[in-house]
Amino acid sequence: MATQDVFSAEELARLRGFPELNRAELIRYFTLTGADEVFVRQFRTGRNVLGVAVQLWTLP
């Protein structure tokens, strides 16, 4: 079953994009907690740390 068979075009656009966030929401959603930072720092290079941090907050 294809994705377009399950979701309407509007639902797909919403699911594939990011919502509009104000400054307070950006800070709340993208500020790492202490535990998050410990997890993210396990990855060696700065590029990997950034990638893991972005995935951590965009996938949920």
N, C-alpha and C. Protein backbone atom coordinates (compact mmCIF):
# COMPACT_ATOMS: atom_id res chain seq x y z
N MET A 1 0.85 -1.17 0.00
CA MET A 1 0.00 0.00 0.00
C MET A 1 0.90 1.24 0.00
N ALA A 2 0.69 2.12 -0.93
CA ALA A 2 1.50 3.33 -1.06
C ALA A 2 1.06 4.40 -0.06
N THR A 3 2.01 5.28 0.28
CA THR A 3 1.73 6.36 1.24
C THR A 3 0.56 7.23 0.79
N GLN A 4 0.52 7.54 -0.50
CA GLN A 4 -0.55 8.42 -0.98
C GLN A 4 -1.93 7.75 -0.92
N ASP A 5 -1.96 6.44 -0.79
CA ASP A 5 -3.23 5.74 -0.64
C ASP A 5 -3.78 5.85 0.78
N VAL A 6 -2.90 6.15 1.74
CA VAL A 6 -3.30 6.22 3.13
C VAL A 6 -3.60 7.65 3.55
N PHE A 7 -2.78 8.60 3.09
CA PHE A 7 -2.91 10.00 3.50
C PHE A 7 -3.35 10.87 2.33
N SER A 8 -4.10 11.92 2.65
CA SER A 8 -4.47 12.90 1.63
C SER A 8 -3.24 13.76 1.33
N ALA A 9 -3.29 14.52 0.26
CA ALA A 9 -2.18 15.39 -0.13
C ALA A 9 -1.88 16.41 0.97
N GLU A 10 -2.92 16.94 1.61
CA GLU A 10 -2.74 17.91 2.70
C GLU A 10 -2.05 17.26 3.90
N GLU A 11 -2.46 16.04 4.24
CA GLU A 11 -1.84 15.34 5.36
C GLU A 11 -0.37 15.02 5.07
N LEU A 12 -0.07 14.61 3.85
CA LEU A 12 1.31 14.33 3.47
C LEU A 12 2.17 15.58 3.57
N ALA A 13 1.67 16.70 3.10
CA ALA A 13 2.43 17.96 3.17
C ALA A 13 2.72 18.32 4.63
N ARG A 14 1.74 18.15 5.50
CA ARG A 14 1.92 18.46 6.92
C ARG A 14 2.93 17.50 7.56
N LEU A 15 2.85 16.22 7.24
CA LEU A 15 3.75 15.23 7.82
C LEU A 15 5.19 15.36 7.32
N ARG A 16 5.36 15.82 6.10
CA ARG A 16 6.70 15.93 5.52
C ARG A 16 7.38 17.26 5.81
N GLY A 17 6.65 18.19 6.40
CA GLY A 17 7.23 19.51 6.68
C GLY A 17 7.36 19.76 8.16
N PHE A 18 7.84 20.94 8.50
CA PHE A 18 7.96 21.36 9.88
C PHE A 18 6.90 22.41 10.17
N PRO A 19 6.33 22.38 11.34
CA PRO A 19 5.34 23.40 11.68
C PRO A 19 6.01 24.75 11.91
N GLU A 20 5.25 25.80 11.79
CA GLU A 20 5.76 27.14 12.11
C GLU A 20 5.89 27.24 13.62
N LEU A 21 7.06 27.60 14.09
CA LEU A 21 7.31 27.71 15.52
C LEU A 21 7.75 29.13 15.86
N ASN A 22 7.27 29.63 16.99
CA ASN A 22 7.74 30.94 17.42
C ASN A 22 9.03 30.76 18.22
N ARG A 23 9.63 31.85 18.65
CA ARG A 23 10.93 31.80 19.33
C ARG A 23 10.88 30.95 20.60
N ALA A 24 9.85 31.12 21.41
CA ALA A 24 9.74 30.37 22.66
C ALA A 24 9.63 28.86 22.39
N GLU A 25 8.88 28.49 21.36
CA GLU A 25 8.74 27.08 21.01
C GLU A 25 10.06 26.51 20.49
N LEU A 26 10.79 27.29 19.70
CA LEU A 26 12.09 26.84 19.21
C LEU A 26 13.03 26.54 20.37
N ILE A 27 13.06 27.43 21.34
CA ILE A 27 13.92 27.24 22.50
C ILE A 27 13.49 26.02 23.29
N ARG A 28 12.20 25.88 23.51
CA ARG A 28 11.69 24.75 24.29
C ARG A 28 11.95 23.41 23.61
N TYR A 29 11.70 23.33 22.31
CA TYR A 29 11.82 22.06 21.61
C TYR A 29 13.27 21.68 21.28
N PHE A 30 14.13 22.66 21.08
CA PHE A 30 15.48 22.36 20.59
C PHE A 30 16.58 22.62 21.61
N THR A 31 16.24 22.81 22.87
CA THR A 31 17.24 22.91 23.93
C THR A 31 17.41 21.52 24.53
N LEU A 32 18.65 21.04 24.52
CA LEU A 32 18.92 19.70 25.02
C LEU A 32 18.93 19.70 26.55
N THR A 33 18.37 18.67 27.13
CA THR A 33 18.46 18.47 28.58
C THR A 33 19.85 17.89 28.88
N GLY A 34 20.19 17.81 30.15
CA GLY A 34 21.47 17.22 30.52
C GLY A 34 21.62 15.79 30.03
N ALA A 35 20.55 15.00 30.18
CA ALA A 35 20.57 13.61 29.72
C ALA A 35 20.71 13.53 28.20
N ASP A 36 20.03 14.44 27.49
CA ASP A 36 20.13 14.47 26.03
C ASP A 36 21.57 14.78 25.61
N GLU A 37 22.18 15.73 26.28
CA GLU A 37 23.55 16.12 25.92
C GLU A 37 24.53 14.97 26.17
N VAL A 38 24.36 14.24 27.27
CA VAL A 38 25.21 13.08 27.56
C VAL A 38 25.07 12.05 26.43
N PHE A 39 23.84 11.80 26.01
CA PHE A 39 23.60 10.85 24.92
C PHE A 39 24.25 11.32 23.63
N VAL A 40 24.05 12.58 23.28
CA VAL A 40 24.55 13.13 22.02
C VAL A 40 26.08 13.15 22.00
N ARG A 41 26.70 13.44 23.11
CA ARG A 41 28.17 13.53 23.19
C ARG A 41 28.87 12.18 23.01
N GLN A 42 28.13 11.09 23.01
CA GLN A 42 28.73 9.78 22.76
C GLN A 42 29.26 9.67 21.34
N PHE A 43 28.75 10.49 20.45
CA PHE A 43 29.13 10.43 19.05
C PHE A 43 30.35 11.32 18.85
N ARG A 44 31.32 10.86 18.12
CA ARG A 44 32.67 11.40 18.12
C ARG A 44 32.84 12.81 17.57
N THR A 45 32.50 13.04 16.36
CA THR A 45 32.83 14.34 15.74
C THR A 45 31.68 15.34 15.89
N GLY A 46 32.02 16.60 15.73
CA GLY A 46 31.01 17.66 15.82
C GLY A 46 29.89 17.48 14.83
N ARG A 47 30.22 17.01 13.65
CA ARG A 47 29.21 16.78 12.62
C ARG A 47 28.23 15.70 13.08
N ASN A 48 28.74 14.64 13.67
CA ASN A 48 27.86 13.57 14.16
C ASN A 48 27.02 14.04 15.34
N VAL A 49 27.62 14.83 16.23
CA VAL A 49 26.89 15.35 17.39
C VAL A 49 25.72 16.20 16.90
N LEU A 50 25.95 17.07 15.95
CA LEU A 50 24.88 17.91 15.40
C LEU A 50 23.80 17.05 14.75
N GLY A 51 24.20 16.06 13.97
CA GLY A 51 23.24 15.20 13.29
C GLY A 51 22.36 14.44 14.27
N VAL A 52 22.96 13.91 15.32
CA VAL A 52 22.19 13.18 16.32
C VAL A 52 21.25 14.13 17.06
N ALA A 53 21.72 15.32 17.39
CA ALA A 53 20.87 16.29 18.09
C ALA A 53 19.66 16.67 17.24
N VAL A 54 19.88 16.89 15.96
CA VAL A 54 18.77 17.25 15.05
C VAL A 54 17.78 16.10 14.96
N GLN A 55 18.28 14.88 14.80
CA GLN A 55 17.39 13.72 14.73
C GLN A 55 16.62 13.53 16.02
N LEU A 56 17.28 13.74 17.13
CA LEU A 56 16.65 13.57 18.43
C LEU A 56 15.40 14.46 18.56
N TRP A 57 15.45 15.64 18.02
CA TRP A 57 14.34 16.57 18.19
C TRP A 57 13.40 16.69 17.01
N THR A 58 13.79 16.13 15.85
CA THR A 58 12.86 16.23 14.72
C THR A 58 12.06 14.96 14.49
N LEU A 59 12.57 13.82 14.89
CA LEU A 59 11.84 12.57 14.62
C LEU A 59 10.59 12.38 15.49
N PRO A 60 10.63 12.73 16.79
CA PRO A 60 9.42 12.52 17.57
C PRO A 60 8.29 13.36 17.03
